[in-house]
């Protein structure tokens, strides 16, 4: 039986590198093409949470321990109001033990570095802007803006929210992403010690006027934070006459300690506004020998902290299925991959969007009602539903087989 020879991965983000690492582990050659001429934000970026399911998926390609080594394990997820009142507190030790995998906060660059090392920097080609692909009986050929081409058995589109591969698969007739109505001002600041931000707790504050604020410690020196402002709130954030930091400090001036200190400690250039988008759940992730993963397939809002986790899951599942495929069966395998992943990703997209609408409440009475609901249900019903959605038995299967010295799949 003929085995898979080579995969072309468009995009050197989390989903693409995870898929490439999984395929290489099974002896399938990969080449990764990134449009950016330099790594840029791929190696800097901000911080985020990786939940238990992401580490279970990383374990299947042998990378969970390497990622966890430079991450901070979270022991609590604490929800508060903008007055500082605790609304709910999720204890994470028990689900960590039950899942056999942690929930951690880390720099995006930590995960990206581990994945890049697993793939090999020599396999990542920067400055290669994808323009289209053609198929023949032998496989698929990717075409790039500089006139170069590459040939493989399968083409994996992992080029993000505004994916060129996705648009190409739809002959250019692709609606724009769906704007969620709010912006996340993301940053990492230097705040050593435990006095302001204790290690091991992810703080999630909900306020009036469409404002939220998230923060947690990344390591002994650094704190990651997210100021989430709805469009109505953003209209009052004056970044024309004030710096970003000063404008956000004014918007959150009445919020509890240590939010003011976190914002004021942050360098201006470290604050990055990110308008939040997703796409409504839907199919069409594969066409012929081309397939989408990560944000190219199922972008989601940040409210479940599952964007990276779902990109990792998709990359691992795709690698697993292609590792058991043949070159001739690639189109069928890609359709089966979409079938296996679509419902789970859709649940994540939908749930994350619904949670985000809670943060759009503007009036005092609506916010008090929301806070009362969170106080009543988040420690019980919401926690149970969140873990039911997050943990999937299929993620606990055996690790993907490792390649033998000859470069063929062993197992």
Foldseek 3Di string as FASTA:
>chain_A
DFAFAEEEEEALALLRLLLLLLQLQQLHHYAYEYQAQDCPCQQAPFKFKDAFLLLLLCVLSPCNVQLVVQWFFAQWEWEAELQGHTQAIDGFPVVCVVSVGTMTMATSNSSSVSSCVSNDVVRYHYNWAWQEWDDDPVAIKTATPVGDIDGGLFYEFAHAQPTNHLCRLVVNPDDHFAFLQKKKWKFKFWDADDPQAHGRYWYWYAYAALWIKIKHAGDRTMIIMIIMHGPRLVVQQDCPVDQNLVSVCVSSVSGDPPVNVRSVRTDRVRTDIGGFTWHQQDDDQDDDRYGYAQSSHTDAGPQLSCSSSRSSNLSSLLSQQSSPDHSVCRRVSRVVSCVVRRVLSNVVRVVSSVVSVLSNHHDPVSVVVSSVCSSPPVNPPVVVVSVVSSDDPVSNDHRQAGADPVSHGDD
